[in-house]
Amino acid sequence: MTSASELTDHTGYWMRMVSNAVSQEFARKVSGEDVTVAEWSFMRALYDLEPTSPSVLAERMGMTKGAISKLAERLTRKKLVVREGSRDDRRGQSLSLTTKGRAKVPVLASLADQNDAEFFGVLTKEEHKALDRTLRALAERRELKATPVD
């Protein structure tokens, strides 16, 4: 019989366990504000760039234009984002947060901060910094650029 490593022998197993727990709790928190994690990520990216074209936002977030379009449509229906046609290019459009959407971003950011503090608060300050440095180094060296939305 061939031996097989245990699930718990893999760093990826532990990363996924932690990631799932952090993500699920954050999703629960933002759902109270009637948005999804993907919508929050979209709104936060738009917060610093508005007004901007869907293609620029797609590039910044590492998503397809189709995915950006779907998120924009959902957020438009919720009256958190507005699409405006370009004066120079009939096909072009820009996305901006509505007043309601702009006011919601700091609220959602506070929930993200709270979620991080609750989850990672069990670590010492040094452990938390080391974890953050390690994860950032992995993302950089692996050239991971897509905004995690799931």
N, C-alpha and C. Protein backbone atom coordinates (compact mmCIF):
# COMPACT_ATOMS: atom_id res chain seq x y z
N MET A 1 0.84 -1.19 0.00
CA MET A 1 0.00 0.00 0.00
C MET A 1 0.89 1.25 0.00
N THR A 2 0.58 2.19 -0.88
CA THR A 2 1.33 3.42 -1.00
C THR A 2 0.91 4.38 0.10
N SER A 3 1.90 5.06 0.70
CA SER A 3 1.55 6.02 1.75
C SER A 3 1.08 7.32 1.11
N ALA A 4 0.26 8.03 1.83
CA ALA A 4 -0.27 9.31 1.35
C ALA A 4 -0.17 10.31 2.49
N SER A 5 0.30 11.48 2.16
CA SER A 5 0.42 12.51 3.19
C SER A 5 -0.95 12.89 3.72
N GLU A 6 -0.97 13.32 4.95
CA GLU A 6 -2.21 13.77 5.59
C GLU A 6 -2.58 15.15 5.05
N LEU A 7 -3.85 15.48 5.06
CA LEU A 7 -4.28 16.82 4.67
C LEU A 7 -3.56 17.88 5.49
N THR A 8 -3.45 17.62 6.78
CA THR A 8 -2.87 18.60 7.70
C THR A 8 -1.36 18.74 7.56
N ASP A 9 -0.75 17.96 6.69
CA ASP A 9 0.69 18.10 6.42
C ASP A 9 0.98 19.25 5.46
N HIS A 10 -0.05 19.84 4.89
CA HIS A 10 0.13 20.84 3.84
C HIS A 10 -0.18 22.24 4.34
N THR A 11 0.73 23.15 4.05
CA THR A 11 0.53 24.56 4.41
C THR A 11 -0.75 25.10 3.79
N GLY A 12 -1.02 24.69 2.56
CA GLY A 12 -2.23 25.14 1.88
C GLY A 12 -3.50 24.77 2.63
N TYR A 13 -3.49 23.63 3.29
CA TYR A 13 -4.64 23.22 4.10
C TYR A 13 -4.90 24.24 5.20
N TRP A 14 -3.85 24.63 5.91
CA TRP A 14 -3.99 25.58 7.01
C TRP A 14 -4.35 26.97 6.51
N MET A 15 -3.76 27.36 5.38
CA MET A 15 -4.11 28.66 4.80
C MET A 15 -5.57 28.70 4.40
N ARG A 16 -6.05 27.63 3.80
CA ARG A 16 -7.45 27.58 3.37
C ARG A 16 -8.39 27.57 4.58
N MET A 17 -8.01 26.86 5.64
CA MET A 17 -8.84 26.83 6.83
C MET A 17 -8.99 28.24 7.41
N VAL A 18 -7.87 28.94 7.52
CA VAL A 18 -7.89 30.30 8.07
C VAL A 18 -8.62 31.23 7.11
N SER A 19 -8.29 31.16 5.84
CA SER A 19 -8.92 32.03 4.85
C SER A 19 -10.44 31.85 4.83
N ASN A 20 -10.90 30.61 4.85
CA ASN A 20 -12.34 30.36 4.85
C ASN A 20 -13.00 30.97 6.08
N ALA A 21 -12.39 30.79 7.24
CA ALA A 21 -12.98 31.32 8.47
C ALA A 21 -13.05 32.85 8.45
N VAL A 22 -11.96 33.49 8.04
CA VAL A 22 -11.92 34.96 7.97
C VAL A 22 -12.94 35.45 6.94
N SER A 23 -12.95 34.83 5.77
CA SER A 23 -13.83 35.26 4.68
C SER A 23 -15.30 35.06 5.01
N GLN A 24 -15.64 33.92 5.60
CA GLN A 24 -17.04 33.65 5.92
C GLN A 24 -17.56 34.62 6.98
N GLU A 25 -16.76 34.93 7.96
CA GLU A 25 -17.19 35.88 8.99
C GLU A 25 -17.34 37.28 8.40
N PHE A 26 -16.42 37.67 7.51
CA PHE A 26 -16.53 38.98 6.88
C PHE A 26 -17.75 39.04 5.98
N ALA A 27 -18.01 37.99 5.24
CA ALA A 27 -19.20 37.94 4.37
C ALA A 27 -20.47 38.11 5.21
N ARG A 28 -20.49 37.49 6.38
CA ARG A 28 -21.65 37.63 7.26
C ARG A 28 -21.80 39.08 7.71
N LYS A 29 -20.68 39.72 8.05
CA LYS A 29 -20.73 41.11 8.51
C LYS A 29 -21.23 42.06 7.41
N VAL A 30 -20.68 41.95 6.21
CA VAL A 30 -21.08 42.88 5.15
C VAL A 30 -22.48 42.60 4.63
N SER A 31 -22.96 41.37 4.80
CA SER A 31 -24.32 41.07 4.36
C SER A 31 -25.33 41.90 5.16
N GLY A 32 -24.97 42.27 6.37
CA GLY A 32 -25.81 43.15 7.17
C GLY A 32 -25.93 44.55 6.57
N GLU A 33 -25.02 44.89 5.69
CA GLU A 33 -25.05 46.17 4.96
C GLU A 33 -25.59 45.98 3.55
N ASP A 34 -26.13 44.80 3.27
CA ASP A 34 -26.73 44.47 1.99
C ASP A 34 -25.75 44.52 0.82
N VAL A 35 -24.51 44.08 1.07
CA VAL A 35 -23.54 43.92 -0.01
C VAL A 35 -22.81 42.59 0.17
N THR A 36 -22.22 42.12 -0.91
CA THR A 36 -21.38 40.93 -0.87
C THR A 36 -19.92 41.36 -0.75
N VAL A 37 -19.05 40.41 -0.50
CA VAL A 37 -17.62 40.71 -0.43
C VAL A 37 -17.13 41.23 -1.78
N ALA A 38 -17.60 40.63 -2.87
CA ALA A 38 -17.20 41.08 -4.20
C ALA A 38 -17.65 42.53 -4.44
N GLU A 39 -18.87 42.85 -4.02
CA GLU A 39 -19.36 44.22 -4.18
C GLU A 39 -18.56 45.20 -3.33
N TRP A 40 -18.21 44.80 -2.13
CA TRP A 40 -17.36 45.64 -1.26
C TRP A 40 -16.02 45.89 -1.93
N SER A 41 -15.40 44.85 -2.46
CA SER A 41 -14.10 45.00 -3.12
C SER A 41 -14.20 45.96 -4.30
N PHE A 42 -15.25 45.83 -5.08
CA PHE A 42 -15.51 46.71 -6.21
C PHE A 42 -15.65 48.16 -5.74
N MET A 43 -16.48 48.36 -4.72
CA MET A 43 -16.73 49.71 -4.21
C MET A 43 -15.45 50.32 -3.64
N ARG A 44 -14.66 49.52 -2.94
CA ARG A 44 -13.42 50.04 -2.36
C ARG A 44 -12.43 50.44 -3.44
N ALA A 45 -12.33 49.64 -4.50
CA ALA A 45 -11.44 49.98 -5.61
C ALA A 45 -11.93 51.25 -6.30
N LEU A 46 -13.22 51.37 -6.48
CA LEU A 46 -13.80 52.54 -7.15
C LEU A 46 -13.65 53.80 -6.30
N TYR A 47 -13.66 53.65 -5.01
CA TYR A 47 -13.58 54.77 -4.06
C TYR A 47 -12.38 55.68 -4.35
N ASP A 48 -11.26 55.08 -4.72
CA ASP A 48 -10.03 55.84 -4.98
C ASP A 48 -9.86 56.25 -6.43
N LEU A 49 -10.67 55.68 -7.32
CA LEU A 49 -10.45 55.88 -8.76
C LEU A 49 -11.53 56.68 -9.47
N GLU A 50 -12.63 56.90 -8.83
CA GLU A 50 -13.80 57.43 -9.55
C GLU A 50 -13.62 58.84 -10.05
N PRO A 51 -14.28 59.17 -11.13
CA PRO A 51 -14.94 58.21 -12.02
C PRO A 51 -13.90 57.47 -12.85
N THR A 52 -14.23 56.26 -13.21
CA THR A 52 -13.29 55.46 -14.00
C THR A 52 -14.04 54.53 -14.93
N SER A 53 -13.35 54.09 -15.94
CA SER A 53 -13.96 53.18 -16.91
C SER A 53 -13.97 51.76 -16.35
N PRO A 54 -14.92 50.95 -16.80
CA PRO A 54 -14.94 49.55 -16.37
C PRO A 54 -13.64 48.82 -16.71
N SER A 55 -13.01 49.15 -17.83
CA SER A 55 -11.79 48.45 -18.22
C SER A 55 -10.63 48.77 -17.27
N VAL A 56 -10.54 50.01 -16.81
CA VAL A 56 -9.49 50.37 -15.85
C VAL A 56 -9.73 49.64 -14.53
N LEU A 57 -10.99 49.60 -14.10
CA LEU A 57 -11.32 48.92 -12.86
C LEU A 57 -11.04 47.42 -12.98
N ALA A 58 -11.37 46.83 -14.13
CA ALA A 58 -11.11 45.41 -14.35
C ALA A 58 -9.61 45.12 -14.25
N GLU A 59 -8.80 45.97 -14.86
CA GLU A 59 -7.35 45.79 -14.81
C GLU A 59 -6.84 45.92 -13.38
N ARG A 60 -7.30 46.92 -12.68
CA ARG A 60 -6.84 47.14 -11.30
C ARG A 60 -7.20 45.97 -10.39
N MET A 61 -8.39 45.40 -10.60
CA MET A 61 -8.85 44.33 -9.73
C MET A 61 -8.45 42.94 -10.24
N GLY A 62 -7.89 42.87 -11.45
CA GLY A 62 -7.51 41.57 -12.00
C GLY A 62 -8.72 40.73 -12.36
N MET A 63 -9.78 41.39 -12.82
CA MET A 63 -11.02 40.70 -13.18
C MET A 63 -11.33 40.94 -14.65
N THR A 64 -12.25 40.16 -15.18
CA THR A 64 -12.67 40.36 -16.56
C THR A 64 -13.63 41.55 -16.62
N LYS A 65 -13.74 42.12 -17.81
CA LYS A 65 -14.69 43.22 -18.01
C LYS A 65 -16.12 42.74 -17.76
N GLY A 66 -16.39 41.48 -18.11
CA GLY A 66 -17.72 40.91 -17.89
C GLY A 66 -18.06 40.84 -16.41
N ALA A 67 -17.09 40.42 -15.60
CA ALA A 67 -17.32 40.34 -14.16
C ALA A 67 -17.55 41.73 -13.58
N ILE A 68 -16.77 42.69 -14.05
CA ILE A 68 -16.94 44.08 -13.59
C ILE A 68 -18.32 44.59 -13.99
N SER A 69 -18.74 44.29 -15.20
CA SER A 69 -20.04 44.73 -15.69
C SER A 69 -21.17 44.16 -14.83
N LYS A 70 -21.06 42.89 -14.46
CA LYS A 70 -22.09 42.27 -13.61
C LYS A 70 -22.13 42.91 -12.23
N LEU A 71 -20.96 43.15 -11.65
CA LEU A 71 -20.92 43.81 -10.35
C LEU A 71 -21.49 45.23 -10.44
N ALA A 72 -21.11 45.94 -11.49
CA ALA A 72 -21.61 47.30 -11.67
C ALA A 72 -23.13 47.30 -11.79
N GLU A 73 -23.67 46.34 -12.50
CA GLU A 73 -25.12 46.26 -12.67
C GLU A 73 -25.81 46.01 -11.33
N ARG A 74 -25.27 45.08 -10.55
CA ARG A 74 -25.87 44.79 -9.23
C ARG A 74 -25.82 46.02 -8.33
N LEU A 75 -24.67 46.71 -8.34
CA LEU A 75 -24.53 47.89 -7.48
C LEU A 75 -25.35 49.07 -7.99
N THR A 76 -25.58 49.13 -9.28
CA THR A 76 -26.45 50.16 -9.84
C THR A 76 -27.88 49.94 -9.38
N ARG A 77 -28.31 48.68 -9.40
CA ARG A 77 -29.67 48.36 -8.93
C ARG A 77 -29.84 48.71 -7.45
N LYS A 78 -28.75 48.59 -6.68
CA LYS A 78 -28.80 48.92 -5.25
C LYS A 78 -28.61 50.41 -5.00
N LYS A 79 -28.44 51.16 -6.07
CA LYS A 79 -28.24 52.63 -6.01
C LYS A 79 -26.96 53.00 -5.25
N LEU A 80 -25.92 52.17 -5.43
CA LEU A 80 -24.62 52.43 -4.82
C LEU A 80 -23.59 52.90 -5.85
N VAL A 81 -23.87 52.62 -7.12
CA VAL A 81 -22.98 52.98 -8.23
C VAL A 81 -23.83 53.56 -9.34
N VAL A 82 -23.24 54.49 -10.08
CA VAL A 82 -23.90 55.07 -11.24
C VAL A 82 -22.98 54.94 -12.45
N ARG A 83 -23.58 54.64 -13.60
CA ARG A 83 -22.86 54.60 -14.88
C ARG A 83 -23.20 55.86 -15.64
N GLU A 84 -22.19 56.44 -16.23
CA GLU A 84 -22.42 57.62 -17.06
C GLU A 84 -21.72 57.43 -18.38
N GLY A 85 -22.39 57.83 -19.45
CA GLY A 85 -21.80 57.76 -20.79
C GLY A 85 -20.72 58.81 -20.95
N SER A 86 -19.77 58.52 -21.79
CA SER A 86 -18.69 59.45 -22.07
C SER A 86 -19.16 60.50 -23.07
N ARG A 87 -18.77 61.72 -22.85
CA ARG A 87 -19.11 62.80 -23.80
C ARG A 87 -18.28 62.68 -25.07
N ASP A 88 -17.08 62.11 -24.95
CA ASP A 88 -16.17 62.02 -26.09
C ASP A 88 -16.37 60.76 -26.91
N ASP A 89 -16.81 59.69 -26.27
CA ASP A 89 -16.92 58.40 -26.94
C ASP A 89 -18.29 57.80 -26.60
N ARG A 90 -19.14 57.64 -27.60
CA ARG A 90 -20.50 57.16 -27.35
C ARG A 90 -20.52 55.78 -26.69
N ARG A 91 -19.53 54.97 -27.02
CA ARG A 91 -19.50 53.62 -26.44
C ARG A 91 -18.89 53.61 -25.05
N GLY A 92 -18.09 54.62 -24.72
CA GLY A 92 -17.41 54.66 -23.44
C GLY A 92 -18.34 55.01 -22.29
N GLN A 93 -17.99 54.54 -21.14
CA GLN A 93 -18.75 54.89 -19.95
C GLN A 93 -17.82 54.94 -18.75
N SER A 94 -18.28 55.61 -17.72
CA SER A 94 -17.51 55.67 -16.49
C SER A 94 -18.41 55.24 -15.34
N LEU A 95 -17.77 54.75 -14.31
CA LEU A 95 -18.46 54.31 -13.10
C LEU A 95 -18.06 55.21 -11.95
N SER A 96 -19.03 55.54 -11.12
CA SER A 96 -18.80 56.33 -9.92
C SER A 96 -19.69 55.80 -8.81
N LEU A 97 -19.27 56.04 -7.59
CA LEU A 97 -20.13 55.74 -6.45
C LEU A 97 -21.18 56.82 -6.33
N THR A 98 -22.37 56.44 -5.93
CA THR A 98 -23.39 57.43 -5.60
C THR A 98 -23.04 58.00 -4.22
N THR A 99 -23.76 59.01 -3.81
CA THR A 99 -23.54 59.56 -2.47
C THR A 99 -23.74 58.47 -1.42
N LYS A 100 -24.78 57.67 -1.61
CA LYS A 100 -25.05 56.54 -0.70
C LYS A 100 -23.89 55.53 -0.72
N GLY A 101 -23.38 55.22 -1.92
CA GLY A 101 -22.27 54.28 -2.05
C GLY A 101 -21.01 54.81 -1.41
N ARG A 102 -20.71 56.09 -1.64
CA ARG A 102 -19.51 56.72 -1.07
C ARG A 102 -19.59 56.70 0.45
N ALA A 103 -20.76 56.93 1.01
CA ALA A 103 -20.92 56.93 2.47
C ALA A 103 -20.80 55.52 3.05
N LYS A 104 -21.12 54.51 2.26
CA LYS A 104 -21.08 53.13 2.73
C LYS A 104 -19.65 52.56 2.79
N VAL A 105 -18.74 53.07 1.97
CA VAL A 105 -17.38 52.51 1.92
C VAL A 105 -16.68 52.59 3.28
N PRO A 106 -16.66 53.72 3.98
CA PRO A 106 -16.02 53.74 5.31
C PRO A 106 -16.68 52.80 6.32
N VAL A 107 -17.99 52.61 6.20
CA VAL A 107 -18.70 51.68 7.09
C VAL A 107 -18.20 50.26 6.84
N LEU A 108 -18.10 49.89 5.56
CA LEU A 108 -17.63 48.56 5.20
C LEU A 108 -16.16 48.37 5.55
N ALA A 109 -15.36 49.42 5.38
CA ALA A 109 -13.94 49.35 5.75
C ALA A 109 -13.80 49.12 7.25
N SER A 110 -14.66 49.74 8.02
CA SER A 110 -14.65 49.55 9.47
C SER A 110 -14.98 48.09 9.82
N LEU A 111 -15.91 47.50 9.09
CA LEU A 111 -16.24 46.09 9.31
C LEU A 111 -15.05 45.19 8.96
N ALA A 112 -14.32 45.54 7.90
CA ALA A 112 -13.12 44.78 7.53
C ALA A 112 -12.06 44.90 8.62
N ASP A 113 -11.89 46.12 9.14
CA ASP A 113 -10.93 46.33 10.22
C ASP A 113 -11.33 45.53 11.45
N GLN A 114 -12.61 45.56 11.78
CA GLN A 114 -13.13 44.83 12.94
C GLN A 114 -12.91 43.33 12.76
N ASN A 115 -13.20 42.83 11.56
CA ASN A 115 -13.03 41.40 11.28
C ASN A 115 -11.57 40.98 11.46
N ASP A 116 -10.66 41.78 10.93
CA ASP A 116 -9.23 41.49 11.09
C ASP A 116 -8.83 41.49 12.57
N ALA A 117 -9.28 42.51 13.29
CA ALA A 117 -8.92 42.62 14.71
C ALA A 117 -9.45 41.43 15.50
N GLU A 118 -10.69 41.04 15.23
CA GLU A 118 -11.28 39.91 15.94
C GLU A 118 -10.55 38.61 15.63
N PHE A 119 -10.26 38.40 14.34
CA PHE A 119 -9.67 37.13 13.96
C PHE A 119 -8.19 37.04 14.32
N PHE A 120 -7.44 38.08 13.98
CA PHE A 120 -5.99 38.03 14.18
C PHE A 120 -5.55 38.58 15.53
N GLY A 121 -6.50 39.03 16.32
CA GLY A 121 -6.19 39.55 17.65
C GLY A 121 -5.61 38.51 18.60
N VAL A 122 -5.73 37.23 18.26
CA VAL A 122 -5.16 36.17 19.10
C VAL A 122 -3.64 36.05 18.92
N LEU A 123 -3.12 36.71 17.89
CA LEU A 123 -1.68 36.70 17.64
C LEU A 123 -1.03 37.87 18.37
N THR A 124 0.25 37.69 18.69
CA THR A 124 0.99 38.84 19.21
C THR A 124 1.19 39.82 18.06
N LYS A 125 1.54 41.03 18.39
CA LYS A 125 1.79 42.04 17.35
C LYS A 125 2.89 41.57 16.39
N GLU A 126 3.93 40.96 16.96
CA GLU A 126 5.05 40.46 16.14
C GLU A 126 4.60 39.32 15.23
N GLU A 127 3.79 38.40 15.76
CA GLU A 127 3.29 37.29 14.95
C GLU A 127 2.43 37.80 13.80
N HIS A 128 1.57 38.78 14.10
CA HIS A 128 0.70 39.33 13.08
C HIS A 128 1.52 40.00 11.97
N LYS A 129 2.53 40.79 12.36
CA LYS A 129 3.38 41.44 11.36
C LYS A 129 4.13 40.41 10.52
N ALA A 130 4.62 39.35 11.17
CA ALA A 130 5.36 38.31 10.44
C ALA A 130 4.45 37.58 9.45
N LEU A 131 3.23 37.28 9.88
CA LEU A 131 2.26 36.64 8.99
C LEU A 131 1.96 37.53 7.80
N ASP A 132 1.71 38.79 8.07
CA ASP A 132 1.41 39.75 7.01
C ASP A 132 2.58 39.85 6.02
N ARG A 133 3.80 39.97 6.54
CA ARG A 133 4.99 40.03 5.67
C ARG A 133 5.12 38.78 4.80
N THR A 134 4.90 37.61 5.40
CA THR A 134 5.03 36.35 4.68
C THR A 134 3.99 36.23 3.57
N LEU A 135 2.75 36.57 3.89
CA LEU A 135 1.69 36.48 2.87
C LEU A 135 1.92 37.48 1.74
N ARG A 136 2.35 38.69 2.09
CA ARG A 136 2.65 39.69 1.05
C ARG A 136 3.82 39.23 0.17
N ALA A 137 4.83 38.62 0.79
CA ALA A 137 5.98 38.13 0.02
C ALA A 137 5.54 37.02 -0.94
N LEU A 138 4.71 36.11 -0.47
CA LEU A 138 4.21 35.04 -1.34
C LEU A 138 3.41 35.62 -2.51
N ALA A 139 2.52 36.56 -2.22
CA ALA A 139 1.71 37.16 -3.28
C ALA A 139 2.59 37.88 -4.30
N GLU A 140 3.58 38.61 -3.79
CA GLU A 140 4.48 39.34 -4.69
C GLU A 140 5.32 38.40 -5.54
N ARG A 141 5.93 37.41 -4.93
CA ARG A 141 6.81 36.49 -5.66
C ARG A 141 6.04 35.61 -6.63
N ARG A 142 4.79 35.33 -6.33
CA ARG A 142 3.94 34.54 -7.22
C ARG A 142 3.19 35.43 -8.20
N GLU A 143 3.42 36.75 -8.09
CA GLU A 143 2.79 37.74 -8.96
C GLU A 143 1.26 37.62 -8.93
N LEU A 144 0.72 37.46 -7.74
CA LEU A 144 -0.72 37.39 -7.54
C LEU A 144 -1.26 38.81 -7.48
N LYS A 145 -2.15 39.14 -8.40
CA LYS A 145 -2.62 40.53 -8.48
C LYS A 145 -4.14 40.66 -8.40
N ALA A 146 -4.85 39.58 -8.68
CA ALA A 146 -6.32 39.63 -8.70
C ALA A 146 -6.85 39.88 -7.29
N THR A 147 -7.78 40.79 -7.18
CA THR A 147 -8.43 41.06 -5.91
C THR A 147 -9.26 39.84 -5.51
N PRO A 148 -9.03 39.29 -4.32
CA PRO A 148 -9.84 38.13 -3.91
C PRO A 148 -11.27 38.58 -3.59
N VAL A 149 -12.23 37.99 -4.25
CA VAL A 149 -13.62 38.39 -4.05
C VAL A 149 -14.51 37.22 -3.62
N ASP A 150 -13.99 36.01 -3.60
CA ASP A 150 -14.80 34.86 -3.18
C ASP A 150 -14.34 34.33 -1.84
